[in-house]
Amino acid sequence: MIDAAGLRVMKAIADEGSFTSAANALGFTQPAISQMVRRLEQRTGTVLVERYGRQVRLTEAGQVLARHAVGVLAALDAAEEEITAIAGLRAGRVRLQAFPSSSATLVPRTLAILKARHPDITVTFTEAEPPESLAALRRGDCDVAVAFAYEGGDLGELEEDLSLLVTRRLLDDEVRLVVPRTHPHAEDEAATLADFSGEEWIAGCPRCRGHLLALADTAGFRPNVAFETEDYVAQLGLVTAGLGVALVPDLILNAAKHDEVATLPLSPASRRQILAVTTPDLLRVPAVAAALDALCEAAGADPGVSPAHLVGGEA
């Protein structure tokens, strides 16, 4: 096997014309250079250097190695410089995936923090629900996934995979009932779902609908889901038009305009934990660690690492 040290020796011999001069140029002793040449000849199975007294010259095979050494060593030096830049946060990339309702809140604040502190880090962002983003993380297609879990959620098929991941808990996001401002219960201090059993409901993605069904089942009824949309702005629009009621998390209510709807806390309350997820190895990458710290700061969270316990998709 030809290594970088061997290539440097062959290039130095070609440039300097003797073992002694090559040793001086590389900071080695002359016997060390001789030993490295013999080892390289054993590995390649051919003579690389012809000796004439104190002078040496490269054989045809040695000339081939010396010629290729220029490009290979230049590439290695460039790679070393690039890695040094990444380790020092003068460069690097982070591939972030986050669920849609975080796109208007956590993600922009996080990207702004990273840009201010580490302008040379490149961040790419795509939207994905927790099942897809966590799968992408396991495949190596993203570096950080922003996900969430409902209180008391069932880990289900994700449990085995999540045991290999680490998380940072960002915040607890309360889910509220949204009704038209003209609704008879709009001024209530809190909402008991059983009081809305006769309403038409607006649900989100399949997992959102599952959360609604689970809460309604506990309250003793099955909701009449009249509309489904993953767009929370559309959900609020449908509620405003008097076409139904919906469950919407604070993360959206704090960012979206909703003057014509009333938001009521649920009784009993329903919350989801917002979490940043990565792998143990990626956690050691400086750019990824910086992204996690930025997420925690954007959420006002403690950046401590906790075991991974997640479930679900968009709320």
C-alpha atoms as a PDB file:
ATOM      1  CA  MET A   1       0.000   0.000   0.000  1.00  0.00           C
ATOM      2  CA  ILE A   2       1.387   3.397  -0.996  1.00  0.00           C
ATOM      3  CA  ASP A   3       0.978   6.002   1.744  1.00  0.00           C
ATOM      4  CA  ALA A   4       1.357   9.765   1.808  1.00  0.00           C
ATOM      5  CA  ALA A   5       4.689   9.598   3.643  1.00  0.00           C
ATOM      6  CA  GLY A   6       6.134   7.381   0.928  1.00  0.00           C
ATOM      7  CA  LEU A   7       4.941   9.757  -1.782  1.00  0.00           C
ATOM      8  CA  ARG A   8       6.534  12.712   0.006  1.00  0.00           C
ATOM      9  CA  VAL A   9       9.846  10.834   0.162  1.00  0.00           C
ATOM     10  CA  MET A  10       9.762   9.996  -3.551  1.00  0.00           C
ATOM     11  CA  LYS A  11       8.986  13.609  -4.475  1.00  0.00           C
ATOM     12  CA  ALA A  12      11.769  14.885  -2.194  1.00  0.00           C
ATOM     13  CA  ILE A  13      14.306  12.476  -3.756  1.00  0.00           C
ATOM     14  CA  ALA A  14      13.236  13.603  -7.230  1.00  0.00           C
ATOM     15  CA  ASP A  15      13.569  17.263  -6.234  1.00  0.00           C
ATOM     16  CA  GLU A  16      16.804  17.024  -4.211  1.00  0.00           C
ATOM     17  CA  GLY A  17      18.739  14.283  -6.017  1.00  0.00           C
ATOM     18  CA  SER A  18      20.044  12.416  -2.933  1.00  0.00           C
ATOM     19  CA  PHE A  19      18.851  10.696   0.214  1.00  0.00           C
ATOM     20  CA  THR A  20      20.765  13.169   2.399  1.00  0.00           C
ATOM     21  CA  SER A  21      19.258  16.242   0.759  1.00  0.00           C
ATOM     22  CA  ALA A  22      15.792  14.664   0.772  1.00  0.00           C
ATOM     23  CA  ALA A  23      16.207  13.883   4.483  1.00  0.00           C
ATOM     24  CA  ASN A  24      17.195  17.486   5.207  1.00  0.00           C
ATOM     25  CA  ALA A  25      14.230  18.811   3.221  1.00  0.00           C
ATOM     26  CA  LEU A  26      11.768  16.591   5.091  1.00  0.00           C
ATOM     27  CA  GLY A  27      13.404  16.843   8.518  1.00  0.00           C
ATOM     28  CA  PHE A  28      14.287  13.126   8.655  1.00  0.00           C
ATOM     29  CA  THR A  29      17.570  11.308   9.051  1.00  0.00           C
ATOM     30  CA  GLN A  30      19.228   9.749   6.029  1.00  0.00           C
ATOM     31  CA  PRO A  31      18.802   6.182   7.384  1.00  0.00           C
ATOM     32  CA  ALA A  32      15.086   6.887   7.896  1.00  0.00           C
ATOM     33  CA  ILE A  33      14.763   7.903   4.249  1.00  0.00           C
ATOM     34  CA  SER A  34      16.578   4.754   3.136  1.00  0.00           C
ATOM     35  CA  GLN A  35      14.284   2.599   5.283  1.00  0.00           C
ATOM     36  CA  MET A  36      11.161   4.275   3.917  1.00  0.00           C
ATOM     37  CA  VAL A  37      12.332   3.712   0.346  1.00  0.00           C
ATOM     38  CA  ARG A  38      13.038   0.014   1.022  1.00  0.00           C
ATOM     39  CA  ARG A  39       9.585  -0.384   2.604  1.00  0.00           C
ATOM     40  CA  LEU A  40       7.948   1.314  -0.371  1.00  0.00           C
ATOM     41  CA  GLU A  41       9.854  -0.943  -2.781  1.00  0.00           C
ATOM     42  CA  GLN A  42       8.632  -3.993  -0.858  1.00  0.00           C
ATOM     43  CA  ARG A  43       5.056  -2.755  -1.077  1.00  0.00           C
ATOM     44  CA  THR A  44       5.215  -1.986  -4.794  1.00  0.00           C
ATOM     45  CA  GLY A  45       7.273  -5.070  -5.648  1.00  0.00           C
ATOM     46  CA  THR A  46       9.783  -3.166  -7.790  1.00  0.00           C
ATOM     47  CA  VAL A  47      12.944  -1.065  -7.577  1.00  0.00           C
ATOM     48  CA  LEU A  48      12.204   2.646  -7.254  1.00  0.00           C
ATOM     49  CA  VAL A  49      15.682   4.172  -6.754  1.00  0.00           C
ATOM     50  CA  GLU A  50      19.052   3.445  -8.400  1.00  0.00           C
ATOM     51  CA  ARG A  51      22.105   4.302  -6.279  1.00  0.00           C
ATOM     52  CA  TYR A  52      25.362   5.670  -7.718  1.00  0.00           C
ATOM     53  CA  GLY A  53      27.674   6.268  -4.785  1.00  0.00           C
ATOM     54  CA  ARG A  54      26.188   9.187  -2.914  1.00  0.00           C
ATOM     55  CA  GLN A  55      23.931  10.102  -5.790  1.00  0.00           C
ATOM     56  CA  VAL A  56      20.625   8.438  -6.599  1.00  0.00           C
ATOM     57  CA  ARG A  57      18.161   8.585  -9.435  1.00  0.00           C
ATOM     58  CA  LEU A  58      14.640   7.326  -9.773  1.00  0.00           C
ATOM     59  CA  THR A  59      13.780   4.323 -11.882  1.00  0.00           C
ATOM     60  CA  GLU A  60      10.893   4.523 -14.295  1.00  0.00           C
ATOM     61  CA  ALA A  61       8.560   3.247 -11.542  1.00  0.00           C
ATOM     62  CA  GLY A  62      10.024   5.774  -9.110  1.00  0.00           C
ATOM     63  CA  GLN A  63       9.432   8.580 -11.603  1.00  0.00           C
ATOM     64  CA  VAL A  64       5.798   7.495 -11.928  1.00  0.00           C
ATOM     65  CA  LEU A  65       5.338   7.728  -8.159  1.00  0.00           C
ATOM     66  CA  ALA A  66       7.112  11.090  -7.969  1.00  0.00           C
ATOM     67  CA  ARG A  67       4.973  12.466 -10.804  1.00  0.00           C
ATOM     68  CA  HIS A  68       1.693  11.351  -9.241  1.00  0.00           C
ATOM     69  CA  ALA A  69       2.864  12.500  -5.816  1.00  0.00           C
ATOM     70  CA  VAL A  70       2.513  16.133  -6.868  1.00  0.00           C
ATOM     71  CA  GLY A  71      -1.232  15.908  -7.485  1.00  0.00           C
ATOM     72  CA  VAL A  72      -1.965  13.491  -4.643  1.00  0.00           C
ATOM     73  CA  LEU A  73      -0.073  15.513  -2.025  1.00  0.00           C
ATOM     74  CA  ALA A  74      -1.678  18.745  -3.235  1.00  0.00           C
ATOM     75  CA  ALA A  75      -5.101  17.145  -2.857  1.00  0.00           C
ATOM     76  CA  LEU A  76      -4.224  15.879   0.639  1.00  0.00           C
ATOM     77  CA  ASP A  77      -2.970  19.309   1.679  1.00  0.00           C
ATOM     78  CA  ALA A  78      -6.182  20.888   0.377  1.00  0.00           C
ATOM     79  CA  ALA A  79      -8.272  18.305   2.230  1.00  0.00           C
ATOM     80  CA  GLU A  80      -6.339  18.946   5.441  1.00  0.00           C
ATOM     81  CA  GLU A  81      -6.860  22.694   5.107  1.00  0.00           C
ATOM     82  CA  GLU A  82     -10.572  22.206   4.466  1.00  0.00           C
ATOM     83  CA  ILE A  83     -10.947  19.880   7.457  1.00  0.00           C
ATOM     84  CA  THR A  84      -9.081  22.374   9.635  1.00  0.00           C
ATOM     85  CA  ALA A  85     -11.511  25.060   8.507  1.00  0.00           C
ATOM     86  CA  ILE A  86     -14.484  22.850   9.336  1.00  0.00           C
ATOM     87  CA  ALA A  87     -13.100  21.954  12.763  1.00  0.00           C
ATOM     88  CA  GLY A  88     -12.534  25.647  13.458  1.00  0.00           C
ATOM     89  CA  LEU A  89     -16.041  26.636  12.274  1.00  0.00           C
ATOM     90  CA  ARG A  90     -14.526  28.666   9.425  1.00  0.00           C
ATOM     91  CA  ALA A  91     -16.401  26.340   7.091  1.00  0.00           C
ATOM     92  CA  GLY A  92     -18.735  23.346   7.181  1.00  0.00           C
ATOM     93  CA  ARG A  93     -22.315  22.479   6.354  1.00  0.00           C
ATOM     94  CA  VAL A  94     -25.401  21.452   8.260  1.00  0.00           C
ATOM     95  CA  ARG A  95     -28.389  19.772   6.633  1.00  0.00           C
ATOM     96  CA  LEU A  96     -31.464  20.613   8.686  1.00  0.00           C
ATOM     97  CA  GLN A  97     -34.904  19.034   8.389  1.00  0.00           C
ATOM     98  CA  ALA A  98     -37.848  20.305  10.406  1.00  0.00           C
ATOM     99  CA  PHE A  99     -41.602  19.809  10.534  1.00  0.00           C
ATOM    100  CA  PRO A 100     -43.706  22.512   8.841  1.00  0.00           C
ATOM    101  CA  SER A 101     -45.057  24.362  11.870  1.00  0.00           C
ATOM    102  CA  SER A 102     -41.481  25.072  13.007  1.00  0.00           C
ATOM    103  CA  SER A 103     -40.573  26.619   9.638  1.00  0.00           C
ATOM    104  CA  ALA A 104     -42.075  30.002  10.479  1.00  0.00           C
ATOM    105  CA  THR A 105     -40.754  30.188  14.029  1.00  0.00           C
ATOM    106  CA  LEU A 106     -37.820  28.107  15.282  1.00  0.00           C
ATOM    107  CA  VAL A 107     -36.053  27.654  11.956  1.00  0.00           C
ATOM    108  CA  PRO A 108     -35.749  31.346  10.927  1.00  0.00           C
ATOM    109  CA  ARG A 109     -34.493  32.351  14.387  1.00  0.00           C
ATOM    110  CA  THR A 110     -31.996  29.481  14.344  1.00  0.00           C
ATOM    111  CA  LEU A 111     -30.661  30.366  10.898  1.00  0.00           C
ATOM    112  CA  ALA A 112     -30.264  34.009  11.905  1.00  0.00           C
ATOM    113  CA  ILE A 113     -28.246  33.042  15.002  1.00  0.00           C
ATOM    114  CA  LEU A 114     -25.980  30.762  12.962  1.00  0.00           C
ATOM    115  CA  LYS A 115     -25.459  33.390  10.263  1.00  0.00           C
ATOM    116  CA  ALA A 116     -24.474  35.998  12.834  1.00  0.00           C
ATOM    117  CA  ARG A 117     -22.064  33.762  14.735  1.00  0.00           C
ATOM    118  CA  HIS A 118     -20.699  31.459  12.037  1.00  0.00           C
ATOM    119  CA  PRO A 119     -21.214  33.142   8.648  1.00  0.00           C
ATOM    120  CA  ASP A 120     -19.032  30.591   6.847  1.00  0.00           C
ATOM    121  CA  ILE A 121     -21.213  27.628   7.812  1.00  0.00           C
ATOM    122  CA  THR A 122     -23.558  26.575   5.019  1.00  0.00           C
ATOM    123  CA  VAL A 123     -27.017  25.447   6.170  1.00  0.00           C
ATOM    124  CA  THR A 124     -29.522  23.722   3.914  1.00  0.00           C
ATOM    125  CA  PHE A 125     -33.110  23.341   5.080  1.00  0.00           C
ATOM    126  CA  THR A 126     -35.972  21.113   3.974  1.00  0.00           C
ATOM    127  CA  GLU A 127     -39.362  20.407   5.525  1.00  0.00           C
ATOM    128  CA  ALA A 128     -40.217  16.898   6.656  1.00  0.00           C
ATOM    129  CA  GLU A 129     -42.457  15.281   9.256  1.00  0.00           C
ATOM    130  CA  PRO A 130     -40.685  13.464  12.112  1.00  0.00           C
ATOM    131  CA  PRO A 131     -41.008   9.969  10.635  1.00  0.00           C
ATOM    132  CA  GLU A 132     -39.414  11.113   7.361  1.00  0.00           C
ATOM    133  CA  SER A 133     -36.809  13.393   8.927  1.00  0.00           C
ATOM    134  CA  LEU A 134     -35.719  10.739  11.400  1.00  0.00           C
ATOM    135  CA  ALA A 135     -35.434   8.214   8.581  1.00  0.00           C
ATOM    136  CA  ALA A 136     -33.319  10.742   6.649  1.00  0.00           C
ATOM    137  CA  LEU A 137     -31.109  11.200   9.709  1.00  0.00           C
ATOM    138  CA  ARG A 138     -30.565   7.458   9.990  1.00  0.00           C
ATOM    139  CA  ARG A 139     -29.741   7.227   6.249  1.00  0.00           C
ATOM    140  CA  GLY A 140     -27.246  10.062   6.510  1.00  0.00           C
ATOM    141  CA  ASP A 141     -29.346  12.430   4.370  1.00  0.00           C
ATOM    142  CA  CYS A 142     -29.589  15.095   7.072  1.00  0.00           C
ATOM    143  CA  ASP A 143     -27.571  16.110  10.136  1.00  0.00           C
ATOM    144  CA  VAL A 144     -30.238  17.540  12.464  1.00  0.00           C
ATOM    145  CA  ALA A 145     -33.959  16.795  12.586  1.00  0.00           C
ATOM    146  CA  VAL A 146     -36.416  19.013  14.456  1.00  0.00           C
ATOM    147  CA  ALA A 147     -39.202  16.707  15.621  1.00  0.00           C
ATOM    148  CA  PHE A 148     -41.820  16.461  18.337  1.00  0.00           C
ATOM    149  CA  ALA A 149     -43.618  14.014  20.587  1.00  0.00           C
ATOM    150  CA  TYR A 150     -47.031  14.243  22.201  1.00  0.00           C
ATOM    151  CA  GLU A 151     -47.172  13.704  25.948  1.00  0.00           C
ATOM    152  CA  GLY A 152     -47.695  10.021  26.588  1.00  0.00           C
ATOM    153  CA  GLY A 153     -47.234   9.200  22.897  1.00  0.00           C
ATOM    154  CA  ASP A 154     -46.596   5.639  21.803  1.00  0.00           C
ATOM    155  CA  LEU A 155     -43.112   5.099  20.365  1.00  0.00           C
ATOM    156  CA  GLY A 156     -44.460   2.330  18.142  1.00  0.00           C
ATOM    157  CA  GLU A 157     -42.265   1.407  15.197  1.00  0.00           C
ATOM    158  CA  LEU A 158     -39.831   4.276  15.905  1.00  0.00           C
ATOM    159  CA  GLU A 159     -38.694   3.006  19.298  1.00  0.00           C
ATOM    160  CA  GLU A 160     -35.815   0.799  18.126  1.00  0.00           C
ATOM    161  CA  ASP A 161     -34.345   3.407  15.781  1.00  0.00           C
ATOM    162  CA  LEU A 162     -34.660   6.275  18.256  1.00  0.00           C
ATOM    163  CA  SER A 163     -32.716   4.357  20.858  1.00  0.00           C
ATOM    164  CA  LEU A 164     -29.642   5.012  18.696  1.00  0.00           C
ATOM    165  CA  LEU A 165     -30.195   8.789  18.548  1.00  0.00           C
ATOM    166  CA  VAL A 166     -29.751  11.690  20.951  1.00  0.00           C
ATOM    167  CA  THR A 167     -32.050  14.660  21.463  1.00  0.00           C
ATOM    168  CA  ARG A 168     -32.099  18.123  22.890  1.00  0.00           C
ATOM    169  CA  ARG A 169     -35.446  19.176  24.310  1.00  0.00           C
ATOM    170  CA  LEU A 170     -36.256  22.608  22.931  1.00  0.00           C
ATOM    171  CA  LEU A 171     -39.660  23.519  24.362  1.00  0.00           C
ATOM    172  CA  ASP A 172     -43.108  22.317  25.391  1.00  0.00           C
ATOM    173  CA  ASP A 173     -45.711  23.388  22.843  1.00  0.00           C
ATOM    174  CA  GLU A 174     -49.305  23.586  24.097  1.00  0.00           C
ATOM    175  CA  VAL A 175     -52.085  22.539  21.735  1.00  0.00           C
ATOM    176  CA  ARG A 176     -55.210  24.718  21.876  1.00  0.00           C
ATOM    177  CA  LEU A 177     -58.731  24.575  20.501  1.00  0.00           C
ATOM    178  CA  VAL A 178     -59.397  27.225  17.848  1.00  0.00           C
ATOM    179  CA  VAL A 179     -62.990  28.332  17.233  1.00  0.00           C
ATOM    180  CA  PRO A 180     -64.603  31.222  15.312  1.00  0.00           C
ATOM    181  CA  ARG A 181     -64.719  34.470  17.280  1.00  0.00           C
ATOM    182  CA  THR A 182     -68.538  34.283  17.062  1.00  0.00           C
ATOM    183  CA  HIS A 183     -68.717  30.770  18.545  1.00  0.00           C
ATOM    184  CA  PRO A 184     -70.872  30.423  21.708  1.00  0.00           C
ATOM    185  CA  HIS A 185     -67.844  29.064  23.627  1.00  0.00           C
ATOM    186  CA  ALA A 186     -65.402  31.663  22.318  1.00  0.00           C
ATOM    187  CA  GLU A 187     -65.224  33.453  25.689  1.00  0.00           C
ATOM    188  CA  ASP A 188     -64.777  30.292  27.779  1.00  0.00           C
ATOM    189  CA  GLU A 189     -61.693  30.151  29.975  1.00  0.00           C
ATOM    190  CA  ALA A 190     -60.953  26.605  28.807  1.00  0.00           C
ATOM    191  CA  ALA A 191     -62.344  24.014  26.432  1.00  0.00           C
ATOM    192  CA  THR A 192     -63.526  20.535  27.348  1.00  0.00           C
ATOM    193  CA  LEU A 193     -63.553  18.500  24.149  1.00  0.00           C
ATOM    194  CA  ALA A 194     -66.767  16.708  25.073  1.00  0.00           C
ATOM    195  CA  ASP A 195     -68.564  20.075  24.774  1.00  0.00           C
ATOM    196  CA  PHE A 196     -67.583  20.148  21.078  1.00  0.00           C
ATOM    197  CA  SER A 197     -68.633  16.625  20.162  1.00  0.00           C
ATOM    198  CA  GLY A 198     -71.285  17.896  17.772  1.00  0.00           C
ATOM    199  CA  GLU A 199     -68.939  20.256  15.875  1.00  0.00           C
ATOM    200  CA  GLU A 200     -67.392  19.751  12.479  1.00  0.00           C
ATOM    201  CA  TRP A 201     -63.637  19.444  12.802  1.00  0.00           C
ATOM    202  CA  ILE A 202     -60.702  20.551  10.680  1.00  0.00           C
ATOM    203  CA  ALA A 203     -57.721  18.184  10.915  1.00  0.00           C
ATOM    204  CA  GLY A 204     -54.203  18.256   9.571  1.00  0.00           C
ATOM    205  CA  CYS A 205     -51.980  15.429   8.327  1.00  0.00           C
ATOM    206  CA  PRO A 206     -52.838  11.787   9.123  1.00  0.00           C
ATOM    207  CA  ARG A 207     -50.886  11.903  12.384  1.00  0.00           C
ATOM    208  CA  CYS A 208     -52.587  15.159  13.358  1.00  0.00           C
ATOM    209  CA  ARG A 209     -55.890  13.450  12.746  1.00  0.00           C
ATOM    210  CA  GLY A 210     -54.750  10.536  14.893  1.00  0.00           C
ATOM    211  CA  HIS A 211     -53.977  12.898  17.769  1.00  0.00           C
ATOM    212  CA  LEU A 212     -57.410  14.479  17.462  1.00  0.00           C
ATOM    213  CA  LEU A 213     -59.084  11.071  17.385  1.00  0.00           C
ATOM    214  CA  ALA A 214     -57.151   9.945  20.464  1.00  0.00           C
ATOM    215  CA  LEU A 215     -58.159  13.014  22.478  1.00  0.00           C
ATOM    216  CA  ALA A 216     -61.780  12.729  21.330  1.00  0.00           C
ATOM    217  CA  ASP A 217     -61.877   9.033  22.193  1.00  0.00           C
ATOM    218  CA  THR A 218     -60.735   9.863  25.719  1.00  0.00           C
ATOM    219  CA  ALA A 219     -63.489  12.480  25.851  1.00  0.00           C
ATOM    220  CA  GLY A 220     -66.043   9.875  24.762  1.00  0.00           C
ATOM    221  CA  PHE A 221     -66.905  10.791  21.186  1.00  0.00           C
ATOM    222  CA  ARG A 222     -65.740  10.405  17.594  1.00  0.00           C
ATOM    223  CA  PRO A 223     -65.245  13.756  15.839  1.00  0.00           C
ATOM    224  CA  ASN A 224     -66.808  14.552  12.494  1.00  0.00           C
ATOM    225  CA  VAL A 225     -63.748  15.568  10.438  1.00  0.00           C
ATOM    226  CA  ALA A 226     -65.124  17.721   7.631  1.00  0.00           C
ATOM    227  CA  PHE A 227     -61.826  19.075   6.243  1.00  0.00           C
ATOM    228  CA  GLU A 228     -58.171  18.028   6.307  1.00  0.00           C
ATOM    229  CA  THR A 229     -55.192  20.228   5.448  1.00  0.00           C
ATOM    230  CA  GLU A 230     -51.555  20.316   6.547  1.00  0.00           C
ATOM    231  CA  ASP A 231     -51.459  24.096   6.012  1.00  0.00           C
ATOM    232  CA  TYR A 232     -52.144  25.795   9.339  1.00  0.00           C
ATOM    233  CA  VAL A 233     -52.927  29.119   7.644  1.00  0.00           C
ATOM    234  CA  ALA A 234     -55.625  27.266   5.696  1.00  0.00           C
ATOM    235  CA  GLN A 235     -56.893  25.685   8.924  1.00  0.00           C
ATOM    236  CA  LEU A 236     -57.253  29.105  10.550  1.00  0.00           C
ATOM    237  CA  GLY A 237     -58.976  30.373   7.410  1.00  0.00           C
ATOM    238  CA  LEU A 238     -61.491  27.543   7.528  1.00  0.00           C
ATOM    239  CA  VAL A 239     -62.150  28.212  11.213  1.00  0.00           C
ATOM    240  CA  THR A 240     -62.554  31.935  10.526  1.00  0.00           C
ATOM    241  CA  ALA A 241     -65.135  31.100   7.836  1.00  0.00           C
ATOM    242  CA  GLY A 242     -67.155  29.181  10.428  1.00  0.00           C
ATOM    243  CA  LEU A 243     -66.573  25.822   8.768  1.00  0.00           C
ATOM    244  CA  GLY A 244     -65.373  24.005  11.858  1.00  0.00           C
ATOM    245  CA  VAL A 245     -63.050  23.982  14.862  1.00  0.00           C
ATOM    246  CA  ALA A 246     -59.452  22.762  15.052  1.00  0.00           C
ATOM    247  CA  LEU A 247     -56.571  21.866  17.336  1.00  0.00           C
ATOM    248  CA  VAL A 248     -53.599  24.172  16.704  1.00  0.00           C
ATOM    249  CA  PRO A 249     -50.294  24.370  18.630  1.00  0.00           C
ATOM    250  CA  ASP A 250     -48.939  27.577  20.147  1.00  0.00           C
ATOM    251  CA  LEU A 251     -45.939  27.433  17.813  1.00  0.00           C
ATOM    252  CA  ILE A 252     -48.295  28.370  14.984  1.00  0.00           C
ATOM    253  CA  LEU A 253     -50.645  30.615  16.940  1.00  0.00           C
ATOM    254  CA  ASN A 254     -47.689  32.754  18.038  1.00  0.00           C
ATOM    255  CA  ALA A 255     -46.661  33.308  14.417  1.00  0.00           C
ATOM    256  CA  ALA A 256     -49.882  33.356  12.376  1.00  0.00           C
ATOM    257  CA  LYS A 257     -52.419  36.186  12.323  1.00  0.00           C
ATOM    258  CA  HIS A 258     -55.692  34.961  13.865  1.00  0.00           C
ATOM    259  CA  ASP A 259     -57.718  38.005  14.957  1.00  0.00           C
ATOM    260  CA  GLU A 260     -61.017  36.469  13.877  1.00  0.00           C
ATOM    261  CA  VAL A 261     -60.672  33.269  15.887  1.00  0.00           C
ATOM    262  CA  ALA A 262     -60.621  32.499  19.599  1.00  0.00           C
ATOM    263  CA  THR A 263     -58.017  30.175  21.090  1.00  0.00           C
ATOM    264  CA  LEU A 264     -58.942  28.157  24.165  1.00  0.00           C
ATOM    265  CA  PRO A 265     -56.658  26.050  26.364  1.00  0.00           C
ATOM    266  CA  LEU A 266     -57.761  22.442  26.567  1.00  0.00           C
ATOM    267  CA  SER A 267     -58.926  20.867  29.798  1.00  0.00           C
ATOM    268  CA  PRO A 268     -57.157  18.572  30.398  1.00  0.00           C
ATOM    269  CA  ALA A 269     -54.201  20.182  28.635  1.00  0.00           C
ATOM    270  CA  SER A 270     -52.484  18.646  25.632  1.00  0.00           C
ATOM    271  CA  ARG A 271     -48.843  19.411  24.862  1.00  0.00           C
ATOM    272  CA  ARG A 272     -46.085  18.230  22.608  1.00  0.00           C
ATOM    273  CA  GLN A 273     -42.346  18.348  23.213  1.00  0.00           C
ATOM    274  CA  ILE A 274     -40.286  19.984  20.469  1.00  0.00           C
ATOM    275  CA  LEU A 275     -36.955  18.225  20.103  1.00  0.00           C
ATOM    276  CA  ALA A 276     -33.765  18.524  18.091  1.00  0.00           C
ATOM    277  CA  VAL A 277     -32.438  15.097  17.097  1.00  0.00           C
ATOM    278  CA  THR A 278     -29.049  14.001  15.781  1.00  0.00           C
ATOM    279  CA  THR A 279     -26.683  11.030  16.053  1.00  0.00           C
ATOM    280  CA  PRO A 280     -23.915  10.559  18.650  1.00  0.00           C
ATOM    281  CA  ASP A 281     -21.225  10.843  15.950  1.00  0.00           C
ATOM    282  CA  LEU A 282     -22.687  13.961  14.326  1.00  0.00           C
ATOM    283  CA  LEU A 283     -22.908  15.567  17.752  1.00  0.00           C
ATOM    284  CA  ARG A 284     -19.081  15.752  17.686  1.00  0.00           C
ATOM    285  CA  VAL A 285     -19.055  17.723  14.405  1.00  0.00           C
ATOM    286  CA  PRO A 286     -18.494  21.420  15.292  1.00  0.00           C
ATOM    287  CA  ALA A 287     -20.979  22.804  12.740  1.00  0.00           C
ATOM    288  CA  VAL A 288     -23.699  20.394  13.893  1.00  0.00           C
ATOM    289  CA  ALA A 289     -23.039  21.223  17.547  1.00  0.00           C
ATOM    290  CA  ALA A 290     -23.285  24.927  16.677  1.00  0.00           C
ATOM    291  CA  ALA A 291     -26.620  24.329  14.935  1.00  0.00           C
ATOM    292  CA  LEU A 292     -27.994  22.491  17.968  1.00  0.00           C
ATOM    293  CA  ASP A 293     -26.896  25.320  20.265  1.00  0.00           C
ATOM    294  CA  ALA A 294     -28.581  27.821  17.944  1.00  0.00           C
ATOM    295  CA  LEU A 295     -31.812  25.809  18.011  1.00  0.00           C
ATOM    296  CA  CYS A 296     -31.738  25.757  21.793  1.00  0.00           C
ATOM    297  CA  GLU A 297     -31.135  29.493  21.952  1.00  0.00           C
ATOM    298  CA  ALA A 298     -33.900  30.176  19.417  1.00  0.00           C
ATOM    299  CA  ALA A 299     -36.277  28.129  21.573  1.00  0.00           C
ATOM    300  CA  GLY A 300     -34.989  29.550  24.843  1.00  0.00           C
ATOM    301  CA  ALA A 301     -34.017  26.041  25.910  1.00  0.00           C
ATOM    302  CA  ASP A 302     -31.297  24.445  27.983  1.00  0.00           C
ATOM    303  CA  PRO A 303     -28.853  22.830  25.521  1.00  0.00           C
ATOM    304  CA  GLY A 304     -28.436  19.677  27.629  1.00  0.00           C
ATOM    305  CA  VAL A 305     -28.599  16.295  25.911  1.00  0.00           C
ATOM    306  CA  SER A 306     -31.358  13.876  26.894  1.00  0.00           C
ATOM    307  CA  PRO A 307     -32.324  10.330  25.823  1.00  0.00           C
ATOM    308  CA  ALA A 308     -34.389  10.052  22.652  1.00  0.00           C
ATOM    309  CA  HIS A 309     -38.109   9.402  23.153  1.00  0.00           C
ATOM    310  CA  LEU A 310     -40.137  10.572  20.151  1.00  0.00           C
ATOM    311  CA  VAL A 311     -43.268   9.778  18.235  1.00  0.00           C
ATOM    312  CA  GLY A 312     -45.517  11.196  15.615  1.00  0.00           C
ATOM    313  CA  GLY A 313     -45.788  13.690  12.812  1.00  0.00           C
ATOM    314  CA  GLU A 314     -47.137  17.191  12.519  1.00  0.00           C
ATOM    315  CA  ALA A 315     -49.646  18.271  15.179  1.00  0.00           C
END
